[in-house]
N, C-alpha and C. Protein backbone atom coordinates (compact mmCIF):
# COMPACT_ATOMS: atom_id res chain seq x y z
N VAL A 1 2.41 22.90 1.34
CA VAL A 1 3.28 21.61 1.00
C VAL A 1 4.71 22.71 0.36
N ALA A 2 5.99 22.50 0.64
CA ALA A 2 6.98 22.89 0.31
C ALA A 2 7.60 22.37 -0.86
N GLY A 3 7.43 21.05 -0.85
CA GLY A 3 7.76 20.36 -2.31
C GLY A 3 7.44 18.80 -1.95
N LEU A 4 7.88 17.91 -2.72
CA LEU A 4 7.58 16.56 -2.61
C LEU A 4 8.70 15.93 -3.13
N PHE A 5 8.59 14.25 -2.03
CA PHE A 5 9.81 13.58 -2.69
C PHE A 5 9.20 12.57 -3.78
N GLY A 6 9.67 12.44 -4.79
CA GLY A 6 9.15 11.97 -5.99
C GLY A 6 9.83 10.46 -5.94
N ALA A 7 9.20 9.33 -6.84
CA ALA A 7 9.63 7.99 -7.16
C ALA A 7 11.06 8.14 -7.40
N HIS A 8 11.32 9.04 -8.38
CA HIS A 8 12.60 8.98 -8.79
C HIS A 8 13.70 9.32 -7.73
N GLU A 9 13.29 10.53 -6.48
CA GLU A 9 14.26 10.48 -5.67
C GLU A 9 14.47 9.54 -4.45
N MET A 10 13.23 9.14 -4.69
CA MET A 10 12.95 7.69 -3.52
C MET A 10 13.95 6.53 -3.98
N LEU A 11 13.64 6.32 -5.23
CA LEU A 11 14.46 5.28 -5.85
C LEU A 11 15.97 5.31 -5.84
N ARG A 12 16.31 6.38 -5.98
CA ARG A 12 17.77 7.10 -6.54
C ARG A 12 18.29 6.53 -4.99
N PHE A 13 17.66 7.32 -4.32
CA PHE A 13 18.27 7.16 -2.49
C PHE A 13 18.12 5.84 -2.00
N GLY A 14 17.58 5.14 -2.41
CA GLY A 14 16.81 3.55 -1.88
C GLY A 14 16.50 3.66 -0.50
N MET A 15 15.37 4.91 -0.47
CA MET A 15 14.22 5.27 0.60
C MET A 15 13.80 3.99 1.36
N VAL A 16 13.72 4.27 2.41
CA VAL A 16 12.97 3.39 3.34
C VAL A 16 11.58 3.77 3.90
N ILE A 17 10.39 3.83 3.94
CA ILE A 17 9.72 4.41 4.59
C ILE A 17 8.85 3.54 5.97
N ASP A 18 8.96 3.80 7.12
CA ASP A 18 8.24 3.01 8.09
C ASP A 18 7.13 4.24 8.84
N CYS A 19 6.12 3.31 8.08
CA CYS A 19 4.75 4.21 8.32
C CYS A 19 4.46 4.11 9.64
N ALA A 20 4.26 3.01 10.27
CA ALA A 20 4.05 2.90 11.71
C ALA A 20 4.79 3.84 12.65
N ARG A 21 6.10 3.89 12.07
CA ARG A 21 6.85 4.97 13.11
C ARG A 21 7.03 6.33 12.40
N GLN A 22 6.38 6.64 11.10
CA GLN A 22 6.34 8.01 10.67
C GLN A 22 8.12 8.37 10.47
N MET A 23 8.90 7.33 9.67
CA MET A 23 10.04 7.69 9.80
C MET A 23 10.86 7.37 8.03
N LEU A 24 11.52 7.97 7.69
CA LEU A 24 12.14 8.15 6.41
C LEU A 24 13.62 7.84 6.50
N TYR A 25 14.19 6.59 5.88
CA TYR A 25 15.46 6.45 5.89
C TYR A 25 16.11 6.61 4.40
N ILE A 26 17.05 7.38 4.61
CA ILE A 26 17.72 7.62 3.15
C ILE A 26 19.41 7.31 3.36
N ASN A 27 19.70 6.24 1.79
CA ASN A 27 20.88 5.82 2.12
C ASN A 27 21.70 6.68 1.16
N PRO A 28 22.42 7.78 1.30
CA PRO A 28 23.29 8.21 0.82
C PRO A 28 24.07 8.14 -0.23
N ARG A 29 24.07 6.81 -0.38
CA ARG A 29 24.89 6.26 -1.41
C ARG A 29 23.98 5.41 -2.45
N GLY A 30 23.14 5.64 -2.31
CA GLY A 30 22.00 5.19 -3.11
C GLY A 30 21.47 3.87 -3.03
N ALA A 31 20.86 3.44 -3.42
CA ALA A 31 19.85 2.10 -3.43
C ALA A 31 20.84 1.09 -3.68
N SER A 32 20.77 -0.47 -2.61
CA SER A 32 21.62 -1.35 -2.57
C SER A 32 20.73 -2.62 -2.70
N GLY A 33 21.49 -3.62 -3.31
CA GLY A 33 20.51 -4.68 -2.99
C GLY A 33 20.98 -5.40 -2.20
N GLU A 34 21.95 -5.30 -1.97
CA GLU A 34 22.27 -5.87 -0.35
C GLU A 34 21.68 -5.60 0.59
N THR A 35 21.52 -4.09 0.86
CA THR A 35 20.60 -3.45 1.94
C THR A 35 19.32 -4.05 1.63
N SER A 36 18.93 -4.23 0.83
CA SER A 36 17.29 -4.61 0.67
C SER A 36 17.49 -5.88 0.98
N LYS A 37 18.30 -6.73 0.79
CA LYS A 37 18.40 -8.11 0.73
C LYS A 37 18.34 -8.14 2.37
N ARG A 38 19.04 -7.36 3.52
CA ARG A 38 19.37 -7.61 4.56
C ARG A 38 17.45 -7.15 5.39
N LEU A 39 17.38 -6.03 4.89
CA LEU A 39 16.06 -5.49 5.12
C LEU A 39 15.25 -6.92 5.36
N ALA A 40 15.03 -7.46 4.13
CA ALA A 40 13.88 -8.41 3.72
C ALA A 40 14.08 -9.49 4.88
N ASN A 41 15.51 -10.01 5.24
CA ASN A 41 15.58 -11.07 5.92
C ASN A 41 15.44 -10.14 7.47
N PHE A 42 15.52 -9.25 7.79
CA PHE A 42 15.49 -8.30 9.29
C PHE A 42 13.70 -8.63 9.55
N LEU A 43 13.12 -8.31 8.56
CA LEU A 43 11.59 -7.95 8.59
C LEU A 43 10.94 -9.46 8.56
N ALA A 44 11.53 -10.59 7.99
CA ALA A 44 11.11 -11.81 7.92
C ALA A 44 10.99 -12.40 8.92
N ARG A 45 12.02 -12.41 10.07
CA ARG A 45 12.31 -12.86 11.03
C ARG A 45 10.99 -12.20 12.43
N ARG A 46 10.81 -11.00 11.64
CA ARG A 46 9.90 -10.47 12.70
C ARG A 46 8.24 -10.45 12.23
N GLY A 47 7.74 -11.57 11.02
CA GLY A 47 6.70 -11.95 10.81
C GLY A 47 6.18 -11.10 9.98
N PHE A 48 6.90 -10.49 8.80
CA PHE A 48 6.07 -9.39 7.97
C PHE A 48 6.15 -10.21 6.78
N THR A 49 5.13 -9.98 6.20
CA THR A 49 4.75 -10.21 4.55
C THR A 49 5.58 -9.62 3.71
N ARG A 50 6.19 -9.93 2.67
CA ARG A 50 6.61 -9.42 1.65
C ARG A 50 5.88 -9.15 0.51
N ILE A 51 5.40 -8.22 0.09
CA ILE A 51 4.86 -7.91 -1.13
C ILE A 51 5.52 -7.03 -2.33
N PRO A 52 5.49 -7.34 -3.47
CA PRO A 52 6.30 -7.20 -4.68
C PRO A 52 5.56 -6.04 -4.99
N MET A 53 6.48 -4.69 -5.42
CA MET A 53 5.89 -3.49 -5.79
C MET A 53 6.44 -3.42 -7.31
N ARG A 54 5.63 -2.54 -7.90
CA ARG A 54 6.23 -1.77 -9.18
C ARG A 54 5.75 -0.62 -9.43
N PHE A 55 6.00 -0.15 -10.50
CA PHE A 55 5.92 1.28 -11.31
C PHE A 55 4.66 1.12 -12.19
N ASN A 56 3.65 1.58 -12.05
CA ASN A 56 2.60 1.21 -12.95
C ASN A 56 2.99 2.65 -14.25
N PHE A 57 2.36 2.61 -15.02
CA PHE A 57 2.48 3.69 -16.52
C PHE A 57 2.86 4.51 -15.79
N HIS A 58 2.09 5.35 -14.60
CA HIS A 58 2.32 6.80 -14.30
C HIS A 58 3.20 6.99 -13.00
N ARG A 59 3.89 6.21 -13.49
CA ARG A 59 5.22 6.16 -12.05
C ARG A 59 4.61 6.01 -10.39
N HIS A 60 3.53 5.62 -10.40
CA HIS A 60 2.92 5.30 -8.91
C HIS A 60 3.48 3.98 -8.53
N PHE A 61 3.74 3.85 -7.32
CA PHE A 61 4.10 2.64 -6.54
C PHE A 61 2.33 1.42 -6.36
N GLU A 62 2.31 0.21 -7.04
CA GLU A 62 1.33 -0.55 -7.18
C GLU A 62 1.80 -1.92 -6.69
N VAL A 63 0.58 -2.23 -6.36
CA VAL A 63 0.88 -3.97 -5.85
C VAL A 63 -0.61 -4.51 -6.31
N ASP A 64 -0.22 -6.04 -6.48
CA ASP A 64 -1.17 -7.14 -6.83
C ASP A 64 -2.32 -6.98 -5.65
N ALA A 65 -3.98 -7.14 -5.55
CA ALA A 65 -4.40 -7.18 -4.73
C ALA A 65 -5.54 -7.90 -5.07
N SER A 66 -6.47 -8.44 -4.54
CA SER A 66 -8.35 -8.87 -4.79
C SER A 66 -8.87 -8.12 -3.53
N ILE A 67 -10.03 -7.96 -3.75
CA ILE A 67 -11.09 -7.41 -3.03
C ILE A 67 -12.25 -8.48 -3.47
N ASN A 68 -12.73 -9.11 -2.12
CA ASN A 68 -13.87 -10.11 -1.90
C ASN A 68 -13.32 -11.37 -3.27
N GLY A 69 -12.59 -11.49 -3.28
CA GLY A 69 -12.13 -12.43 -4.47
C GLY A 69 -11.48 -12.45 -5.80
N HIS A 70 -11.80 -10.82 -5.93
CA HIS A 70 -11.85 -10.19 -7.25
C HIS A 70 -10.49 -9.34 -7.40
N ALA A 71 -9.69 -10.18 -8.60
CA ALA A 71 -8.26 -9.66 -8.83
C ALA A 71 -8.39 -8.28 -9.29
N THR A 72 -7.13 -7.63 -8.47
CA THR A 72 -7.12 -5.41 -9.01
C THR A 72 -5.81 -5.89 -8.74
N ARG A 73 -5.55 -4.26 -8.63
CA ARG A 73 -4.23 -3.77 -8.12
C ARG A 73 -4.27 -2.42 -7.60
N LEU A 74 -3.60 -2.10 -6.49
CA LEU A 74 -4.05 -0.98 -5.83
C LEU A 74 -2.61 -0.01 -5.62
N VAL A 75 -2.61 1.14 -5.88
CA VAL A 75 -1.43 2.06 -5.74
C VAL A 75 -1.09 2.06 -4.30
N VAL A 76 0.34 2.01 -3.81
CA VAL A 76 0.44 2.56 -2.32
C VAL A 76 0.74 3.92 -2.11
N ASP A 77 -0.05 4.43 -1.51
CA ASP A 77 -0.15 5.58 -1.13
C ASP A 77 -0.37 6.59 0.11
N THR A 78 0.96 6.53 0.68
CA THR A 78 1.36 7.14 1.64
C THR A 78 0.50 8.45 2.29
N GLY A 79 0.06 9.31 1.19
CA GLY A 79 -0.29 10.38 1.46
C GLY A 79 -1.73 10.33 1.66
N MET A 80 -2.58 9.04 1.26
CA MET A 80 -4.13 9.05 1.41
C MET A 80 -4.32 8.46 2.98
N GLY A 81 -5.05 9.26 3.31
CA GLY A 81 -5.60 8.98 4.60
C GLY A 81 -6.27 7.59 4.80
N THR A 82 -7.11 6.97 3.99
CA THR A 82 -7.93 6.11 4.06
C THR A 82 -7.94 5.03 2.67
N THR A 83 -7.68 3.86 2.75
CA THR A 83 -7.96 3.14 1.45
C THR A 83 -9.13 3.36 0.78
N THR A 84 -9.05 3.68 -0.62
CA THR A 84 -10.00 4.04 -1.72
C THR A 84 -10.22 3.10 -2.55
N LEU A 85 -11.27 2.81 -2.72
CA LEU A 85 -11.70 1.90 -4.38
C LEU A 85 -12.49 3.07 -5.00
N GLY A 86 -12.06 3.06 -6.13
CA GLY A 86 -12.90 3.60 -7.38
C GLY A 86 -14.66 2.98 -7.34
N LYS A 87 -15.39 3.65 -8.13
CA LYS A 87 -16.60 3.14 -7.77
C LYS A 87 -16.59 1.94 -9.04
N GLN A 88 -16.02 1.65 -9.70
CA GLN A 88 -16.27 0.67 -11.04
C GLN A 88 -15.34 -0.59 -9.86
N ILE A 89 -14.23 -0.54 -9.66
CA ILE A 89 -13.88 -1.48 -9.07
C ILE A 89 -14.68 -2.08 -7.66
N ALA A 90 -15.08 -1.10 -6.96
CA ALA A 90 -16.02 -1.84 -5.91
C ALA A 90 -17.15 -2.37 -6.39
N ALA A 91 -18.00 -1.50 -7.64
CA ALA A 91 -19.17 -2.76 -7.92
C ALA A 91 -18.57 -4.18 -8.34
N GLN A 92 -17.64 -4.09 -9.13
CA GLN A 92 -16.86 -5.47 -9.94
C GLN A 92 -16.74 -6.54 -8.68
N SER A 93 -16.02 -6.02 -7.29
CA SER A 93 -15.95 -6.93 -6.39
C SER A 93 -16.90 -7.05 -5.37
N ALA A 94 -18.61 -6.83 -5.80
CA ALA A 94 -19.12 -6.92 -4.57
C ALA A 94 -19.32 -6.19 -3.71
N VAL A 95 -18.87 -5.14 -3.61
CA VAL A 95 -18.33 -4.21 -2.37
C VAL A 95 -19.90 -3.82 -1.81
N PRO A 96 -20.42 -3.71 -1.02
CA PRO A 96 -22.03 -3.22 -0.47
C PRO A 96 -21.95 -2.10 -0.75
N ALA A 97 -23.25 -1.49 -1.37
CA ALA A 97 -23.43 -0.40 -1.88
C ALA A 97 -23.27 0.58 -0.70
N VAL A 98 -22.95 1.80 -0.96
CA VAL A 98 -22.58 2.80 0.12
C VAL A 98 -23.76 3.66 -0.01
N LEU A 99 -24.56 3.65 1.53
CA LEU A 99 -25.64 4.64 2.17
C LEU A 99 -25.49 5.94 1.57
N GLN A 100 -26.92 6.28 1.18
CA GLN A 100 -26.99 7.94 0.93
C GLN A 100 -26.48 8.60 1.92
N GLY A 101 -25.58 9.40 1.29
CA GLY A 101 -24.82 10.58 2.29
C GLY A 101 -23.44 9.87 2.86
N ALA A 102 -22.98 8.53 2.82
CA ALA A 102 -21.80 7.88 3.24
C ALA A 102 -21.35 7.89 2.35
N ARG A 103 -19.74 7.44 2.24
CA ARG A 103 -18.88 7.43 1.45
C ARG A 103 -18.15 6.16 1.92
N THR A 104 -18.27 5.33 3.37
CA THR A 104 -17.39 4.29 3.34
C THR A 104 -18.13 2.89 2.91
N SER A 105 -17.63 2.11 2.98
CA SER A 105 -18.42 0.60 2.76
C SER A 105 -17.59 -0.20 3.68
N LYS A 106 -17.50 -1.72 3.56
CA LYS A 106 -17.02 -2.48 4.56
C LYS A 106 -16.90 -3.59 3.26
N VAL A 107 -15.34 -3.87 3.17
CA VAL A 107 -14.88 -4.99 2.30
C VAL A 107 -14.79 -6.57 3.02
N LYS A 108 -15.55 -7.23 2.79
CA LYS A 108 -15.29 -8.71 3.69
C LYS A 108 -13.67 -9.16 3.66
N GLU A 109 -13.24 -8.93 2.58
CA GLU A 109 -11.73 -9.34 2.09
C GLU A 109 -11.24 -8.92 1.55
N LEU A 110 -9.99 -7.85 1.71
CA LEU A 110 -8.72 -7.31 1.11
C LEU A 110 -7.90 -7.80 1.23
N VAL A 111 -7.28 -8.29 -0.27
CA VAL A 111 -5.92 -9.07 -0.17
C VAL A 111 -4.99 -8.38 -0.76
N VAL A 112 -3.52 -8.19 -0.27
CA VAL A 112 -2.74 -7.45 -0.44
C VAL A 112 -1.75 -8.20 -0.88
N GLY A 113 -1.24 -8.33 -1.81
CA GLY A 113 -0.12 -9.57 -2.20
C GLY A 113 -0.76 -10.81 -1.56
N ASP A 114 -0.08 -11.67 -0.53
CA ASP A 114 -0.48 -12.31 0.24
C ASP A 114 -1.04 -12.21 1.52
N PHE A 115 -1.28 -11.00 1.94
CA PHE A 115 -1.51 -10.28 3.13
C PHE A 115 -2.88 -10.08 3.26
N LYS A 116 -3.75 -10.93 3.94
CA LYS A 116 -5.15 -10.58 3.89
C LYS A 116 -5.81 -9.70 5.21
N ILE A 117 -6.47 -8.88 5.04
CA ILE A 117 -7.11 -8.09 5.82
C ILE A 117 -8.69 -8.19 5.88
N ASN A 118 -9.37 -8.88 7.08
CA ASN A 118 -10.67 -9.15 6.73
C ASN A 118 -11.61 -8.16 7.48
N GLU A 119 -12.58 -7.92 6.85
CA GLU A 119 -13.66 -6.89 7.23
C GLU A 119 -13.17 -5.56 7.23
N ALA A 120 -12.38 -4.87 5.93
CA ALA A 120 -11.73 -3.69 5.94
C ALA A 120 -12.90 -2.65 5.68
N ASP A 121 -12.43 -1.60 6.23
CA ASP A 121 -13.38 -0.42 5.59
C ASP A 121 -12.49 0.24 4.63
N VAL A 122 -13.17 0.74 3.89
CA VAL A 122 -12.91 1.25 2.35
C VAL A 122 -13.76 2.69 2.35
N THR A 123 -13.19 3.26 1.18
CA THR A 123 -13.85 4.81 0.91
C THR A 123 -14.13 4.59 -0.71
N ILE A 124 -15.02 4.69 -0.72
CA ILE A 124 -15.87 4.54 -2.41
C ILE A 124 -15.88 6.00 -2.87
N ALA A 125 -15.19 6.18 -4.00
CA ALA A 125 -14.95 7.45 -4.64
C ALA A 125 -14.66 7.30 -6.10
N SER A 126 -14.93 8.60 -6.89
CA SER A 126 -14.52 8.51 -8.32
C SER A 126 -12.42 8.86 -8.15
N ILE A 127 -12.29 8.12 -9.21
CA ILE A 127 -10.93 8.10 -9.03
C ILE A 127 -10.43 8.15 -10.36
N ALA A 128 -9.63 8.86 -10.67
CA ALA A 128 -9.08 9.57 -11.92
C ALA A 128 -8.44 8.14 -12.79
N GLY A 129 -8.33 8.16 -13.57
CA GLY A 129 -8.48 7.22 -14.68
C GLY A 129 -6.75 6.50 -14.49
N GLU A 130 -5.86 7.62 -14.23
CA GLU A 130 -4.28 7.39 -14.06
C GLU A 130 -4.04 6.87 -12.88
N ILE A 131 -5.08 7.05 -11.92
CA ILE A 131 -4.31 6.65 -10.56
C ILE A 131 -4.37 5.13 -10.93
N GLY A 132 -5.59 4.43 -11.39
CA GLY A 132 -5.85 3.06 -11.16
C GLY A 132 -6.76 2.94 -10.20
N PRO A 133 -7.16 1.55 -10.22
CA PRO A 133 -8.84 0.91 -9.33
C PRO A 133 -9.03 1.55 -8.10
N GLY A 134 -7.70 1.70 -7.17
CA GLY A 134 -7.83 2.06 -5.98
C GLY A 134 -6.76 2.41 -5.48
N LEU A 135 -6.78 2.79 -3.80
CA LEU A 135 -5.36 3.25 -3.66
C LEU A 135 -5.25 2.63 -1.84
N LEU A 136 -4.22 1.97 -1.56
CA LEU A 136 -3.85 1.50 -0.07
C LEU A 136 -3.84 2.45 0.40
N GLY A 137 -4.66 3.02 1.78
CA GLY A 137 -4.28 3.88 2.38
C GLY A 137 -3.31 4.11 3.57
N GLU A 138 -3.28 4.93 4.29
CA GLU A 138 -2.17 5.21 5.29
C GLU A 138 -2.66 4.60 6.36
N GLU A 139 -3.69 4.02 6.79
CA GLU A 139 -4.52 3.42 7.71
C GLU A 139 -4.23 2.42 8.08
N TYR A 140 -4.46 1.33 6.59
CA TYR A 140 -3.81 -0.04 6.66
C TYR A 140 -2.35 -0.14 6.82
N LEU A 141 -1.54 1.00 6.19
CA LEU A 141 -0.18 0.82 6.14
C LEU A 141 0.47 0.77 7.63
N SER A 142 -0.11 1.99 8.34
CA SER A 142 0.08 2.10 9.69
C SER A 142 -0.27 0.94 10.48
N TRP A 143 -1.39 0.63 10.34
CA TRP A 143 -2.07 -0.43 11.48
C TRP A 143 -1.40 -1.55 11.36
N ASN A 144 -0.68 -1.90 10.10
CA ASN A 144 -0.22 -3.57 9.72
C ASN A 144 1.63 -3.19 9.31
N PHE A 145 2.17 -1.81 10.26
CA PHE A 145 3.36 -1.67 10.58
C PHE A 145 3.97 -1.76 9.30
N ALA A 146 3.63 -1.16 8.32
CA ALA A 146 3.94 -1.17 6.69
C ALA A 146 5.51 -0.56 6.75
N VAL A 147 6.52 -1.21 6.16
CA VAL A 147 7.77 -0.46 5.92
C VAL A 147 7.90 -0.72 4.32
N ILE A 148 8.32 0.19 3.52
CA ILE A 148 8.29 0.39 2.00
C ILE A 148 9.87 0.41 2.01
N ASP A 149 10.24 -0.57 1.09
CA ASP A 149 11.58 -0.66 0.52
C ASP A 149 11.47 -0.12 -0.63
N VAL A 150 11.76 1.33 -0.93
CA VAL A 150 11.65 1.71 -2.61
C VAL A 150 12.59 1.34 -3.26
N GLY A 151 13.90 1.25 -2.79
CA GLY A 151 15.07 0.70 -3.46
C GLY A 151 14.94 -0.67 -3.91
N GLY A 152 14.06 -1.86 -3.08
CA GLY A 152 14.17 -3.03 -3.45
C GLY A 152 12.77 -3.09 -3.84
N LEU A 153 11.76 -2.29 -4.38
CA LEU A 153 10.51 -2.53 -4.76
C LEU A 153 9.61 -3.40 -3.91
N ALA A 154 9.60 -3.02 -2.69
CA ALA A 154 8.79 -4.24 -1.81
C ALA A 154 8.33 -3.32 -0.61
N LEU A 155 6.84 -4.10 -0.38
CA LEU A 155 6.50 -3.33 0.57
C LEU A 155 5.95 -4.82 1.82
N TYR A 156 5.95 -4.38 3.11
CA TYR A 156 6.19 -5.38 3.78
C TYR A 156 5.11 -5.19 5.07
N LEU A 157 4.26 -5.84 5.70
CA LEU A 157 3.21 -5.86 6.48
C LEU A 157 3.25 -6.84 7.32
N ARG A 158 2.45 -6.34 8.72
CA ARG A 158 2.41 -7.46 9.66
C ARG A 158 1.40 -7.26 10.19
N HIS A 159 0.55 -7.93 10.55
CA HIS A 159 -0.60 -7.81 11.66
C HIS A 159 -0.07 -7.54 12.67
N PRO A 160 -1.01 -6.69 13.71
CA PRO A 160 -0.96 -6.08 15.02
C PRO A 160 -0.80 -7.55 15.82
N ASP A 161 -0.05 -7.40 17.06
CA ASP A 161 -0.44 -8.51 17.89
C ASP A 161 -1.56 -8.53 18.60
N PRO A 162 -1.80 -9.95 19.09
CA PRO A 162 -3.61 -9.81 19.38
C PRO A 162 -3.44 -9.63 20.62
N HIS A 163 -4.41 -8.92 21.54
CA HIS A 163 -4.52 -8.36 22.39
C HIS A 163 -4.51 -9.24 23.51
C-alpha cells in the first residue's frame, strides 16, 4: 500500500464511494450539502435506504445496527472483506457458537439502520477495543450496492433485484 485516504481527506473532498462499481468520486470543490441532497434524492428514487453515519471516538465511520434484535453499532469498513463481529457482541446477540476450526457463523437477522439482511454470514474474531463491536464488511456493502456519501455522512443500501 502506497498510502491511504483517511476520513479527514474524504470528508474534505466530499468523496462518494460506490462499492458495487468500485468507484471513488471526488468533488474538487469540497463537500457540498446540495450535492449530498441531490444524491440522496437520486438514490431514494432507485430504492436505496439511507442510513446515517457518524464518526466514532477513533474517527471511524459508524452506523447503528442490531444483530438478532440486539442493538449495537458497526464500523463501515470497505477494506474488510467480510462482516466481522467481536466475540463479545456475538455472544450477547445469541449468534450460534462457531464450530471448532471454523471462523464463520450465521446471524438470523442483521439490521443496519433500517436495512434488514436475513441469514447473514459473519466472521467471529477478536476485535481491538478501539474498533468497536464489529465491522460491516465489503461483501454486504458490494452485494447491496452500497454508496457511501462521506460529505453527507450517509450510507445507502439497496437489496439486489429478485431473480
